[in-house]
Amino acid sequence: MKQSSDHLSDVLAICRAERAVTASFSLRAPWALASEGVPGAMVRIAQGQPYWLQVQGQAPLQVMPGDLVVLPLGSPHVIASDLALAPVPFARMIERFAQGPKDENPLTFEHGGSGPATRIDSVLLWISAHGRHTILNLLPPLLHIPAAQAAPPAMLGSMLQALIEDSLARRAGWRLAAARMGELVLVHVLSNHFATQQHGQGWVRGLADVQIARAMAAIHGRPRHEWSLQALAREAAMSRSRFAEKFKMLVGESPMAYLLQQRMAHAAQQLESGLPLAQVAEDCGYESERVFARAFKRWCGLPPRAYQRSTRALREEFAALR
């Protein structure tokens, strides 16, 4: 069990937060706010009165004080003291209350009527492409950790609130602290989520098996290595046929398909960092840009250069959110 837990840490280590923006809202009933979705992983905690959260396409959730909620992919959602109210777009509040150059100040505002108060603190994280494509895409649109569950959520809540207080006070180094502390909160939430899955999903099932976990760790550690099925089977100390059968049964895809997923996620990371297409193709083991471009488009639906443009636009949108 220790070994599989260590491998889970190795996998979650790719969920790196490159940037973070923070916010704190003081809301008095009646109030309702609507988000069209944000380009990042949103983590929130609240104090005061409970509130309602409805992610697009899902049942409403009542969020209690101290509960942690995470929107791994920033899905469209509504938060409200009463979901029957017509919500005000978040974009309007950002336009009205954001101050100073981008990323210089956290977003703070007061909104609503004169009723019971709710304070919502949040951090929005821009997660590395590798983490988004290999982990966050596996998650449901909403993760909820009630404050009453146990000590870990309380600790995470305290950590998140300290992060917000640091950013509101503009203490030296708060931007870096926000990214690192937000990343740590997210990793703890993900670890809690995967640990409580009864049967796991995808690679989580693979990590629970010592032999398959060894091969997965080898792929994660050296995604650009020229792995063959035989070489991965040796890492797992299994015969090639038995390894291929067991890997697919547990992970849900063949070892080579899993390897391709990791390589393409790594390529996406390099593309987002601005590396030349020729270098990305070579690092992924492709002899030509054209062959790599076809493989990348099959994987994500966009050619590499179009992917670069789309993620550049998302980064700009993220920056505009403060």
C-alpha atoms as a PDB file:
ATOM      1  CA  MET A   1       0.000   0.000   0.000  1.00  0.00           C
ATOM      2  CA  LYS A   2       2.883   2.339   0.779  1.00  0.00           C
ATOM      3  CA  GLN A   3       4.254   1.899  -2.706  1.00  0.00           C
ATOM      4  CA  SER A   4       0.972   2.708  -4.439  1.00  0.00           C
ATOM      5  CA  SER A   5       0.566   5.806  -2.232  1.00  0.00           C
ATOM      6  CA  ASP A   6       4.050   6.943  -3.214  1.00  0.00           C
ATOM      7  CA  HIS A   7       3.161   6.510  -6.888  1.00  0.00           C
ATOM      8  CA  LEU A   8       0.010   8.567  -6.360  1.00  0.00           C
ATOM      9  CA  SER A   9       2.232  11.347  -5.038  1.00  0.00           C
ATOM     10  CA  ASP A  10       4.376  11.037  -8.156  1.00  0.00           C
ATOM     11  CA  VAL A  11       1.316  11.389 -10.382  1.00  0.00           C
ATOM     12  CA  LEU A  12      -0.194  14.295  -8.449  1.00  0.00           C
ATOM     13  CA  ALA A  13       3.169  16.094  -8.560  1.00  0.00           C
ATOM     14  CA  ILE A  14       2.400  17.114 -12.162  1.00  0.00           C
ATOM     15  CA  CYS A  15      -0.515  19.276 -10.962  1.00  0.00           C
ATOM     16  CA  ARG A  16       1.670  22.380 -10.794  1.00  0.00           C
ATOM     17  CA  ALA A  17       0.069  25.794 -10.431  1.00  0.00           C
ATOM     18  CA  GLU A  18       1.859  28.260 -12.681  1.00  0.00           C
ATOM     19  CA  ARG A  19      -0.166  31.261 -11.529  1.00  0.00           C
ATOM     20  CA  ALA A  20      -2.949  32.059  -9.074  1.00  0.00           C
ATOM     21  CA  VAL A  21      -5.519  34.797  -8.601  1.00  0.00           C
ATOM     22  CA  THR A  22      -7.394  35.296  -5.341  1.00  0.00           C
ATOM     23  CA  ALA A  23     -10.703  36.841  -4.387  1.00  0.00           C
ATOM     24  CA  SER A  24     -12.845  37.551  -1.336  1.00  0.00           C
ATOM     25  CA  PHE A  25     -16.555  38.407  -1.552  1.00  0.00           C
ATOM     26  CA  SER A  26     -18.749  39.801   1.246  1.00  0.00           C
ATOM     27  CA  LEU A  27     -22.326  38.887   0.356  1.00  0.00           C
ATOM     28  CA  ARG A  28     -25.560  39.710   2.172  1.00  0.00           C
ATOM     29  CA  ALA A  29     -28.863  38.014   1.365  1.00  0.00           C
ATOM     30  CA  PRO A  30     -30.522  38.202  -1.021  1.00  0.00           C
ATOM     31  CA  TRP A  31     -27.769  37.666  -3.583  1.00  0.00           C
ATOM     32  CA  ALA A  32     -26.986  35.485  -6.613  1.00  0.00           C
ATOM     33  CA  LEU A  33     -23.981  35.428  -8.938  1.00  0.00           C
ATOM     34  CA  ALA A  34     -23.440  33.517 -12.174  1.00  0.00           C
ATOM     35  CA  SER A  35     -20.148  32.465 -13.775  1.00  0.00           C
ATOM     36  CA  GLU A  36     -19.886  31.434 -17.418  1.00  0.00           C
ATOM     37  CA  GLY A  37     -16.858  29.345 -16.460  1.00  0.00           C
ATOM     38  CA  VAL A  38     -13.250  30.238 -15.733  1.00  0.00           C
ATOM     39  CA  PRO A  39      -9.996  29.016 -17.303  1.00  0.00           C
ATOM     40  CA  GLY A  40      -8.541  27.276 -14.263  1.00  0.00           C
ATOM     41  CA  ALA A  41      -9.175  25.179 -11.154  1.00  0.00           C
ATOM     42  CA  MET A  42     -11.317  27.072  -8.647  1.00  0.00           C
ATOM     43  CA  VAL A  43     -11.051  26.368  -4.889  1.00  0.00           C
ATOM     44  CA  ARG A  44     -13.476  28.070  -2.474  1.00  0.00           C
ATOM     45  CA  ILE A  45     -14.247  28.184   1.243  1.00  0.00           C
ATOM     46  CA  ALA A  46     -16.954  30.208   2.994  1.00  0.00           C
ATOM     47  CA  GLN A  47     -17.791  31.635   6.403  1.00  0.00           C
ATOM     48  CA  GLY A  48     -21.093  32.860   7.805  1.00  0.00           C
ATOM     49  CA  GLN A  49     -24.398  31.762   6.299  1.00  0.00           C
ATOM     50  CA  PRO A  50     -24.647  28.655   4.108  1.00  0.00           C
ATOM     51  CA  TYR A  51     -25.133  29.268   0.401  1.00  0.00           C
ATOM     52  CA  TRP A  52     -26.225  27.329  -2.675  1.00  0.00           C
ATOM     53  CA  LEU A  53     -23.971  26.227  -5.505  1.00  0.00           C
ATOM     54  CA  GLN A  54     -25.259  24.805  -8.779  1.00  0.00           C
ATOM     55  CA  VAL A  55     -22.797  23.657 -11.411  1.00  0.00           C
ATOM     56  CA  GLN A  56     -24.248  23.563 -14.911  1.00  0.00           C
ATOM     57  CA  GLY A  57     -26.018  20.243 -15.495  1.00  0.00           C
ATOM     58  CA  GLN A  58     -25.844  19.147 -11.837  1.00  0.00           C
ATOM     59  CA  ALA A  59     -28.160  19.161  -8.833  1.00  0.00           C
ATOM     60  CA  PRO A  60     -27.869  22.120  -6.427  1.00  0.00           C
ATOM     61  CA  LEU A  61     -25.557  21.733  -3.426  1.00  0.00           C
ATOM     62  CA  GLN A  62     -25.908  23.586  -0.139  1.00  0.00           C
ATOM     63  CA  VAL A  63     -22.443  24.648   0.995  1.00  0.00           C
ATOM     64  CA  MET A  64     -21.947  24.974   4.744  1.00  0.00           C
ATOM     65  CA  PRO A  65     -19.425  27.225   6.538  1.00  0.00           C
ATOM     66  CA  GLY A  66     -15.952  25.702   6.354  1.00  0.00           C
ATOM     67  CA  ASP A  67     -16.779  23.356   3.473  1.00  0.00           C
ATOM     68  CA  LEU A  68     -14.238  23.197   0.672  1.00  0.00           C
ATOM     69  CA  VAL A  69     -15.527  23.164  -2.903  1.00  0.00           C
ATOM     70  CA  VAL A  70     -13.381  22.675  -5.979  1.00  0.00           C
ATOM     71  CA  LEU A  71     -14.306  23.180  -9.623  1.00  0.00           C
ATOM     72  CA  PRO A  72     -11.367  21.350 -11.273  1.00  0.00           C
ATOM     73  CA  LEU A  73     -12.035  22.785 -14.729  1.00  0.00           C
ATOM     74  CA  GLY A  74     -13.806  26.001 -13.731  1.00  0.00           C
ATOM     75  CA  SER A  75     -17.240  24.846 -14.958  1.00  0.00           C
ATOM     76  CA  PRO A  76     -20.098  27.341 -15.432  1.00  0.00           C
ATOM     77  CA  HIS A  77     -22.021  27.709 -12.175  1.00  0.00           C
ATOM     78  CA  VAL A  78     -24.314  29.830  -9.994  1.00  0.00           C
ATOM     79  CA  ILE A  79     -23.814  30.677  -6.312  1.00  0.00           C
ATOM     80  CA  ALA A  80     -26.665  32.241  -4.368  1.00  0.00           C
ATOM     81  CA  SER A  81     -28.412  32.738  -1.069  1.00  0.00           C
ATOM     82  CA  ASP A  82     -31.501  31.582  -3.000  1.00  0.00           C
ATOM     83  CA  LEU A  83     -31.299  29.903  -6.406  1.00  0.00           C
ATOM     84  CA  ALA A  84     -34.712  31.330  -7.344  1.00  0.00           C
ATOM     85  CA  LEU A  85     -33.090  34.764  -7.682  1.00  0.00           C
ATOM     86  CA  ALA A  86     -31.936  36.125 -11.038  1.00  0.00           C
ATOM     87  CA  PRO A  87     -28.122  36.015 -10.839  1.00  0.00           C
ATOM     88  CA  VAL A  88     -25.788  38.919 -11.601  1.00  0.00           C
ATOM     89  CA  PRO A  89     -22.953  37.916 -13.979  1.00  0.00           C
ATOM     90  CA  PHE A  90     -19.545  37.655 -12.311  1.00  0.00           C
ATOM     91  CA  ALA A  91     -18.092  39.409 -15.342  1.00  0.00           C
ATOM     92  CA  ARG A  92     -20.057  42.525 -14.425  1.00  0.00           C
ATOM     93  CA  MET A  93     -18.705  42.447 -10.863  1.00  0.00           C
ATOM     94  CA  ILE A  94     -15.129  42.007 -12.107  1.00  0.00           C
ATOM     95  CA  GLU A  95     -15.525  44.938 -14.493  1.00  0.00           C
ATOM     96  CA  ARG A  96     -16.921  47.097 -11.695  1.00  0.00           C
ATOM     97  CA  PHE A  97     -14.620  46.234  -8.804  1.00  0.00           C
ATOM     98  CA  ALA A  98     -11.272  45.068 -10.220  1.00  0.00           C
ATOM     99  CA  GLN A  99      -8.553  47.611  -9.479  1.00  0.00           C
ATOM    100  CA  GLY A 100      -5.076  48.315 -10.788  1.00  0.00           C
ATOM    101  CA  PRO A 101      -2.949  46.428 -13.311  1.00  0.00           C
ATOM    102  CA  LYS A 102      -3.702  42.777 -13.946  1.00  0.00           C
ATOM    103  CA  ASP A 103      -2.561  40.425 -11.168  1.00  0.00           C
ATOM    104  CA  GLU A 104      -1.608  43.333  -8.893  1.00  0.00           C
ATOM    105  CA  ASN A 105      -4.601  43.177  -6.567  1.00  0.00           C
ATOM    106  CA  PRO A 106      -6.929  40.411  -5.440  1.00  0.00           C
ATOM    107  CA  LEU A 107     -10.572  40.928  -6.368  1.00  0.00           C
ATOM    108  CA  THR A 108     -12.745  42.057  -3.450  1.00  0.00           C
ATOM    109  CA  PHE A 109     -16.304  43.339  -3.385  1.00  0.00           C
ATOM    110  CA  GLU A 110     -19.496  43.578  -1.361  1.00  0.00           C
ATOM    111  CA  HIS A 111     -22.818  42.648  -2.913  1.00  0.00           C
ATOM    112  CA  GLY A 112     -26.430  41.861  -2.051  1.00  0.00           C
ATOM    113  CA  GLY A 113     -29.020  43.184   0.353  1.00  0.00           C
ATOM    114  CA  SER A 114     -29.136  43.683   4.124  1.00  0.00           C
ATOM    115  CA  GLY A 115     -29.751  40.096   5.236  1.00  0.00           C
ATOM    116  CA  PRO A 116     -27.477  37.422   6.761  1.00  0.00           C
ATOM    117  CA  ALA A 117     -23.858  37.616   5.563  1.00  0.00           C
ATOM    118  CA  THR A 118     -21.696  35.083   3.738  1.00  0.00           C
ATOM    119  CA  ARG A 119     -17.995  35.580   3.032  1.00  0.00           C
ATOM    120  CA  ILE A 120     -16.542  33.516   0.200  1.00  0.00           C
ATOM    121  CA  ASP A 121     -12.781  33.265  -0.261  1.00  0.00           C
ATOM    122  CA  SER A 122     -11.415  31.708  -3.441  1.00  0.00           C
ATOM    123  CA  VAL A 123      -8.251  30.982  -5.352  1.00  0.00           C
ATOM    124  CA  LEU A 124      -8.186  30.319  -9.077  1.00  0.00           C
ATOM    125  CA  LEU A 125      -5.205  28.259 -10.254  1.00  0.00           C
ATOM    126  CA  TRP A 126      -3.725  28.005 -13.739  1.00  0.00           C
ATOM    127  CA  ILE A 127      -2.613  24.361 -13.737  1.00  0.00           C
ATOM    128  CA  SER A 128       0.109  23.071 -16.043  1.00  0.00           C
ATOM    129  CA  ALA A 129      -1.092  21.457 -19.264  1.00  0.00           C
ATOM    130  CA  HIS A 130       0.223  18.042 -18.211  1.00  0.00           C
ATOM    131  CA  GLY A 131      -1.860  18.162 -15.024  1.00  0.00           C
ATOM    132  CA  ARG A 132      -4.983  19.411 -16.808  1.00  0.00           C
ATOM    133  CA  HIS A 133      -4.895  16.755 -19.517  1.00  0.00           C
ATOM    134  CA  THR A 134      -3.984  13.734 -17.382  1.00  0.00           C
ATOM    135  CA  ILE A 135      -5.669  14.370 -14.016  1.00  0.00           C
ATOM    136  CA  LEU A 136      -8.185  17.215 -13.942  1.00  0.00           C
ATOM    137  CA  ASN A 137     -10.043  15.905 -17.004  1.00  0.00           C
ATOM    138  CA  LEU A 138     -10.754  12.689 -15.064  1.00  0.00           C
ATOM    139  CA  LEU A 139     -12.568  14.505 -12.269  1.00  0.00           C
ATOM    140  CA  PRO A 140     -16.243  15.366 -11.860  1.00  0.00           C
ATOM    141  CA  PRO A 141     -17.058  19.057 -12.423  1.00  0.00           C
ATOM    142  CA  LEU A 142     -17.463  19.595  -8.655  1.00  0.00           C
ATOM    143  CA  LEU A 143     -15.622  18.202  -5.634  1.00  0.00           C
ATOM    144  CA  HIS A 144     -17.095  18.900  -2.189  1.00  0.00           C
ATOM    145  CA  ILE A 145     -15.356  18.250   1.147  1.00  0.00           C
ATOM    146  CA  PRO A 146     -17.656  19.010   4.108  1.00  0.00           C
ATOM    147  CA  ALA A 147     -15.991  20.733   7.049  1.00  0.00           C
ATOM    148  CA  ALA A 148     -17.556  18.156   9.362  1.00  0.00           C
ATOM    149  CA  GLN A 149     -15.782  15.184   7.755  1.00  0.00           C
ATOM    150  CA  ALA A 150     -12.524  15.212   9.698  1.00  0.00           C
ATOM    151  CA  ALA A 151      -9.368  17.138  10.540  1.00  0.00           C
ATOM    152  CA  PRO A 152      -7.859  17.331   7.018  1.00  0.00           C
ATOM    153  CA  PRO A 153     -10.605  19.560   5.568  1.00  0.00           C
ATOM    154  CA  ALA A 154     -10.283  21.868   8.588  1.00  0.00           C
ATOM    155  CA  MET A 155      -6.538  22.086   8.020  1.00  0.00           C
ATOM    156  CA  LEU A 156      -7.034  22.774   4.320  1.00  0.00           C
ATOM    157  CA  GLY A 157      -9.608  25.424   5.098  1.00  0.00           C
ATOM    158  CA  SER A 158      -7.198  27.181   7.447  1.00  0.00           C
ATOM    159  CA  MET A 159      -4.483  26.989   4.794  1.00  0.00           C
ATOM    160  CA  LEU A 160      -6.758  28.479   2.136  1.00  0.00           C
ATOM    161  CA  GLN A 161      -7.910  31.297   4.417  1.00  0.00           C
ATOM    162  CA  ALA A 162      -4.277  32.102   5.308  1.00  0.00           C
ATOM    163  CA  LEU A 163      -3.529  32.251   1.578  1.00  0.00           C
ATOM    164  CA  ILE A 164      -6.357  34.746   1.044  1.00  0.00           C
ATOM    165  CA  GLU A 165      -5.319  36.892   4.020  1.00  0.00           C
ATOM    166  CA  ASP A 166      -1.732  37.030   2.722  1.00  0.00           C
ATOM    167  CA  SER A 167      -2.897  38.159  -0.701  1.00  0.00           C
ATOM    168  CA  LEU A 168      -5.331  40.746   0.689  1.00  0.00           C
ATOM    169  CA  ALA A 169      -2.518  42.213   2.807  1.00  0.00           C
ATOM    170  CA  ARG A 170      -0.193  42.210  -0.246  1.00  0.00           C
ATOM    171  CA  ARG A 171       2.592  40.733   1.864  1.00  0.00           C
ATOM    172  CA  ALA A 172       5.902  40.392   0.067  1.00  0.00           C
ATOM    173  CA  GLY A 173       5.887  37.277  -2.106  1.00  0.00           C
ATOM    174  CA  TRP A 174       2.127  36.825  -1.971  1.00  0.00           C
ATOM    175  CA  ARG A 175       1.791  35.967  -5.670  1.00  0.00           C
ATOM    176  CA  LEU A 176       4.190  33.043  -5.405  1.00  0.00           C
ATOM    177  CA  ALA A 177       2.728  32.001  -2.052  1.00  0.00           C
ATOM    178  CA  ALA A 178      -0.772  32.026  -3.528  1.00  0.00           C
ATOM    179  CA  ALA A 179       0.265  29.714  -6.368  1.00  0.00           C
ATOM    180  CA  ARG A 180       2.179  27.310  -4.124  1.00  0.00           C
ATOM    181  CA  MET A 181      -0.333  27.203  -1.274  1.00  0.00           C
ATOM    182  CA  GLY A 182      -3.241  26.919  -3.696  1.00  0.00           C
ATOM    183  CA  GLU A 183      -1.445  24.064  -5.430  1.00  0.00           C
ATOM    184  CA  LEU A 184      -0.936  22.313  -2.073  1.00  0.00           C
ATOM    185  CA  VAL A 185      -4.615  22.669  -1.169  1.00  0.00           C
ATOM    186  CA  LEU A 186      -5.612  21.276  -4.570  1.00  0.00           C
ATOM    187  CA  VAL A 187      -3.255  18.286  -4.266  1.00  0.00           C
ATOM    188  CA  HIS A 188      -4.661  17.454  -0.811  1.00  0.00           C
ATOM    189  CA  VAL A 189      -8.206  17.657  -2.160  1.00  0.00           C
ATOM    190  CA  LEU A 190      -7.324  15.397  -5.107  1.00  0.00           C
ATOM    191  CA  SER A 191      -5.537  12.924  -2.839  1.00  0.00           C
ATOM    192  CA  ASN A 192      -8.602  12.806  -0.583  1.00  0.00           C
ATOM    193  CA  HIS A 193     -10.877  12.314  -3.595  1.00  0.00           C
ATOM    194  CA  PHE A 194      -8.895   9.452  -5.105  1.00  0.00           C
ATOM    195  CA  ALA A 195      -8.388   7.766  -1.717  1.00  0.00           C
ATOM    196  CA  THR A 196     -12.150   7.681  -1.092  1.00  0.00           C
ATOM    197  CA  GLN A 197     -13.068   6.209  -4.479  1.00  0.00           C
ATOM    198  CA  GLN A 198     -14.375   2.706  -3.771  1.00  0.00           C
ATOM    199  CA  HIS A 199     -13.007   1.167  -6.938  1.00  0.00           C
ATOM    200  CA  GLY A 200     -10.904   3.999  -8.336  1.00  0.00           C
ATOM    201  CA  GLN A 201     -10.910   5.028 -11.953  1.00  0.00           C
ATOM    202  CA  GLY A 202      -8.467   4.648 -14.785  1.00  0.00           C
ATOM    203  CA  TRP A 203      -4.890   5.026 -13.648  1.00  0.00           C
ATOM    204  CA  VAL A 204      -6.019   5.084  -9.984  1.00  0.00           C
ATOM    205  CA  ARG A 205      -6.849   1.382 -10.233  1.00  0.00           C
ATOM    206  CA  GLY A 206      -3.482   0.790 -11.828  1.00  0.00           C
ATOM    207  CA  LEU A 207      -1.662   2.538  -8.995  1.00  0.00           C
ATOM    208  CA  ALA A 208      -3.308   0.206  -6.484  1.00  0.00           C
ATOM    209  CA  ASP A 209      -1.483  -2.742  -8.101  1.00  0.00           C
ATOM    210  CA  VAL A 210       2.230  -2.887  -7.229  1.00  0.00           C
ATOM    211  CA  GLN A 211       3.350  -4.389 -10.557  1.00  0.00           C
ATOM    212  CA  ILE A 212       1.293  -2.130 -12.812  1.00  0.00           C
ATOM    213  CA  ALA A 213       2.222   0.873 -10.655  1.00  0.00           C
ATOM    214  CA  ARG A 214       5.909   0.218 -11.357  1.00  0.00           C
ATOM    215  CA  ALA A 215       5.324   0.428 -15.110  1.00  0.00           C
ATOM    216  CA  MET A 216       3.154   3.534 -14.733  1.00  0.00           C
ATOM    217  CA  ALA A 217       5.841   5.188 -12.605  1.00  0.00           C
ATOM    218  CA  ALA A 218       8.385   4.442 -15.338  1.00  0.00           C
ATOM    219  CA  ILE A 219       6.145   6.088 -17.948  1.00  0.00           C
ATOM    220  CA  HIS A 220       5.522   9.144 -15.762  1.00  0.00           C
ATOM    221  CA  GLY A 221       9.189   9.433 -14.896  1.00  0.00           C
ATOM    222  CA  ARG A 222      10.447   9.151 -18.501  1.00  0.00           C
ATOM    223  CA  PRO A 223       7.596   9.830 -20.946  1.00  0.00           C
ATOM    224  CA  ARG A 224      10.032  10.563 -23.802  1.00  0.00           C
ATOM    225  CA  HIS A 225      11.902   7.276 -23.426  1.00  0.00           C
ATOM    226  CA  GLU A 226      11.490   4.837 -26.330  1.00  0.00           C
ATOM    227  CA  TRP A 227       9.380   2.429 -24.353  1.00  0.00           C
ATOM    228  CA  SER A 228       8.326  -0.868 -25.878  1.00  0.00           C
ATOM    229  CA  LEU A 229       5.689  -3.201 -24.491  1.00  0.00           C
ATOM    230  CA  GLN A 230       8.459  -5.628 -23.571  1.00  0.00           C
ATOM    231  CA  ALA A 231      10.429  -2.944 -21.715  1.00  0.00           C
ATOM    232  CA  LEU A 232       7.381  -1.877 -19.705  1.00  0.00           C
ATOM    233  CA  ALA A 233       6.597  -5.510 -18.895  1.00  0.00           C
ATOM    234  CA  ARG A 234      10.144  -5.852 -17.536  1.00  0.00           C
ATOM    235  CA  GLU A 235       9.549  -2.833 -15.295  1.00  0.00           C
ATOM    236  CA  ALA A 236       6.497  -4.650 -13.921  1.00  0.00           C
ATOM    237  CA  ALA A 237       8.406  -7.970 -13.645  1.00  0.00           C
ATOM    238  CA  MET A 238       5.728  -9.712 -15.716  1.00  0.00           C
ATOM    239  CA  SER A 239       5.469 -11.519 -19.013  1.00  0.00           C
ATOM    240  CA  ARG A 240       4.525  -9.269 -21.921  1.00  0.00           C
ATOM    241  CA  SER A 241       1.133 -10.897 -22.532  1.00  0.00           C
ATOM    242  CA  ARG A 242       0.127 -10.986 -18.877  1.00  0.00           C
ATOM    243  CA  PHE A 243       1.278  -7.390 -18.376  1.00  0.00           C
ATOM    244  CA  ALA A 244      -0.676  -6.117 -21.383  1.00  0.00           C
ATOM    245  CA  GLU A 245      -3.811  -7.953 -20.249  1.00  0.00           C
ATOM    246  CA  LYS A 246      -3.622  -6.806 -16.631  1.00  0.00           C
ATOM    247  CA  PHE A 247      -2.749  -3.196 -17.523  1.00  0.00           C
ATOM    248  CA  LYS A 248      -5.751  -2.864 -19.815  1.00  0.00           C
ATOM    249  CA  MET A 249      -8.066  -4.556 -17.307  1.00  0.00           C
ATOM    250  CA  LEU A 250      -7.083  -2.154 -14.517  1.00  0.00           C
ATOM    251  CA  VAL A 251      -6.326   1.106 -16.322  1.00  0.00           C
ATOM    252  CA  GLY A 252      -8.918   0.756 -19.079  1.00  0.00           C
ATOM    253  CA  GLU A 253      -6.517   1.224 -21.990  1.00  0.00           C
ATOM    254  CA  SER A 254      -3.442  -0.505 -23.351  1.00  0.00           C
ATOM    255  CA  PRO A 255       0.047   0.362 -22.032  1.00  0.00           C
ATOM    256  CA  MET A 256       1.005   1.953 -25.357  1.00  0.00           C
ATOM    257  CA  ALA A 257      -2.200   4.028 -25.449  1.00  0.00           C
ATOM    258  CA  TYR A 258      -1.459   5.215 -21.920  1.00  0.00           C
ATOM    259  CA  LEU A 259       2.099   6.053 -22.960  1.00  0.00           C
ATOM    260  CA  LEU A 260       0.779   8.073 -25.917  1.00  0.00           C
ATOM    261  CA  GLN A 261      -1.556   9.987 -23.583  1.00  0.00           C
ATOM    262  CA  GLN A 262       1.354  10.919 -21.331  1.00  0.00           C
ATOM    263  CA  ARG A 263       3.541  11.939 -24.275  1.00  0.00           C
ATOM    264  CA  MET A 264       0.839  14.109 -25.812  1.00  0.00           C
ATOM    265  CA  ALA A 265       0.120  15.756 -22.454  1.00  0.00           C
ATOM    266  CA  HIS A 266       3.837  16.451 -22.146  1.00  0.00           C
ATOM    267  CA  ALA A 267       3.803  17.874 -25.689  1.00  0.00           C
ATOM    268  CA  ALA A 268       0.871  20.123 -24.773  1.00  0.00           C
ATOM    269  CA  GLN A 269       2.913  21.419 -21.856  1.00  0.00           C
ATOM    270  CA  GLN A 270       5.830  22.222 -24.160  1.00  0.00           C
ATOM    271  CA  LEU A 271       3.573  23.888 -26.711  1.00  0.00           C
ATOM    272  CA  GLU A 272       2.090  26.113 -24.016  1.00  0.00           C
ATOM    273  CA  SER A 273       5.579  27.107 -22.897  1.00  0.00           C
ATOM    274  CA  GLY A 274       6.282  28.357 -26.429  1.00  0.00           C
ATOM    275  CA  LEU A 275       8.810  25.778 -27.605  1.00  0.00           C
ATOM    276  CA  PRO A 276       9.158  25.468 -31.410  1.00  0.00           C
ATOM    277  CA  LEU A 277       6.981  22.819 -33.007  1.00  0.00           C
ATOM    278  CA  ALA A 278      10.004  21.034 -34.452  1.00  0.00           C
ATOM    279  CA  GLN A 279      11.567  20.653 -31.008  1.00  0.00           C
ATOM    280  CA  VAL A 280       8.320  19.403 -29.465  1.00  0.00           C
ATOM    281  CA  ALA A 281       7.938  16.823 -32.229  1.00  0.00           C
ATOM    282  CA  GLU A 282      11.516  15.632 -31.780  1.00  0.00           C
ATOM    283  CA  ASP A 283      11.170  15.396 -27.987  1.00  0.00           C
ATOM    284  CA  CYS A 284       8.092  13.199 -28.460  1.00  0.00           C
ATOM    285  CA  GLY A 285      10.030  10.850 -30.754  1.00  0.00           C
ATOM    286  CA  TYR A 286       8.505  11.926 -34.083  1.00  0.00           C
ATOM    287  CA  GLU A 287      10.711  12.231 -37.130  1.00  0.00           C
ATOM    288  CA  SER A 288       8.693  15.036 -38.706  1.00  0.00           C
ATOM    289  CA  GLU A 289       6.472  17.890 -37.616  1.00  0.00           C
ATOM    290  CA  ARG A 290       3.743  16.709 -39.989  1.00  0.00           C
ATOM    291  CA  VAL A 291       3.468  13.236 -38.441  1.00  0.00           C
ATOM    292  CA  PHE A 292       3.494  14.717 -34.934  1.00  0.00           C
ATOM    293  CA  ALA A 293       0.848  17.291 -35.880  1.00  0.00           C
ATOM    294  CA  ARG A 294      -1.482  14.545 -37.139  1.00  0.00           C
ATOM    295  CA  ALA A 295      -1.007  12.537 -33.933  1.00  0.00           C
ATOM    296  CA  PHE A 296      -1.567  15.603 -31.748  1.00  0.00           C
ATOM    297  CA  LYS A 297      -4.748  16.545 -33.603  1.00  0.00           C
ATOM    298  CA  ARG A 298      -6.114  13.006 -33.176  1.00  0.00           C
ATOM    299  CA  TRP A 299      -5.391  13.304 -29.456  1.00  0.00           C
ATOM    300  CA  CYS A 300      -6.899  16.714 -28.651  1.00  0.00           C
ATOM    301  CA  GLY A 301      -8.903  17.686 -31.742  1.00  0.00           C
ATOM    302  CA  LEU A 302      -6.718  20.694 -32.614  1.00  0.00           C
ATOM    303  CA  PRO A 303      -3.493  21.004 -34.629  1.00  0.00           C
ATOM    304  CA  PRO A 304      -0.522  22.061 -32.469  1.00  0.00           C
ATOM    305  CA  ARG A 305      -0.454  25.690 -33.644  1.00  0.00           C
ATOM    306  CA  ALA A 306      -4.208  26.098 -33.132  1.00  0.00           C
ATOM    307  CA  TYR A 307      -3.798  24.581 -29.663  1.00  0.00           C
ATOM    308  CA  GLN A 308      -1.086  27.134 -28.901  1.00  0.00           C
ATOM    309  CA  ARG A 309      -3.364  29.986 -29.979  1.00  0.00           C
ATOM    310  CA  SER A 310      -6.317  28.703 -27.946  1.00  0.00           C
ATOM    311  CA  THR A 311      -4.295  28.268 -24.747  1.00  0.00           C
ATOM    312  CA  ARG A 312      -2.690  31.685 -25.244  1.00  0.00           C
ATOM    313  CA  ALA A 313      -6.195  33.166 -25.327  1.00  0.00           C
ATOM    314  CA  LEU A 314      -7.126  31.263 -22.151  1.00  0.00           C
ATOM    315  CA  ARG A 315      -4.021  32.553 -20.381  1.00  0.00           C
ATOM    316  CA  GLU A 316      -4.984  36.109 -21.300  1.00  0.00           C
ATOM    317  CA  GLU A 317      -8.508  35.497 -20.010  1.00  0.00           C
ATOM    318  CA  PHE A 318      -7.066  34.092 -16.783  1.00  0.00           C
ATOM    319  CA  ALA A 319      -4.894  37.166 -16.292  1.00  0.00           C
ATOM    320  CA  ALA A 320      -7.886  39.439 -16.834  1.00  0.00           C
ATOM    321  CA  LEU A 321      -9.711  37.743 -13.956  1.00  0.00           C
ATOM    322  CA  ARG A 322      -7.159  39.091 -11.419  1.00  0.00           C
END
